[in-house]
Amino acid sequence: MYRHLEEFQRDRDMALVYQAVTLQKNELIQENIREMSKMYLDIVSEIIERGQEEGTLRRDLYLGLVKHFILGAVESTITNWLRSKRDYDLVSMADPLIDLFIRGIGNPENTGKENGQ
C-alpha cells in the first residue's frame, strides 16, 4: 500500500490521469484497468491468505469482499487527496488505512452490548 500511495504522490499528474481514465466508458481502456486491478487484487489476496495461514487474520473473511474493500478505500483516499484544497502527505494515510483494515471500526470491549447480546 505504501508503494501504491508513494507512486501517486510522486506523480500527481499520473494520479489524475489514472482517476480520469478509470471513469471512462471506453472498452479498451476498461480492459486495461480491469487487468491492472486484477493484478493489484491478486497481491492483496496473497497477503490476506498468508495472514490467514499465519493466524494474524480471521479465516472467516469473505475474500472477494475484503479485496474490494481495500481497493475501494485506497482509491477513495487517492481521490480525496487529489481533490483536497490543502496539501498533505498522501503516504501518511497508509498507516491509518492499514489500522482500519486490521482493527476495523468497532470497539471490541463493547461489541454486542448495545443490542442486548
Foldseek 3Di string as FASTA:
>chain_A
DLVVQVVCVVPVVVLVVVVVLCPDPDPVSVVVVVVVLVVVLVVVLVVQVVCVVVVLDDPPDPSVVLSVVLVVVLNVLSVCQSPDPDHDRSSVCVVVSVCCSRVNDDDVVCPPVVVPD
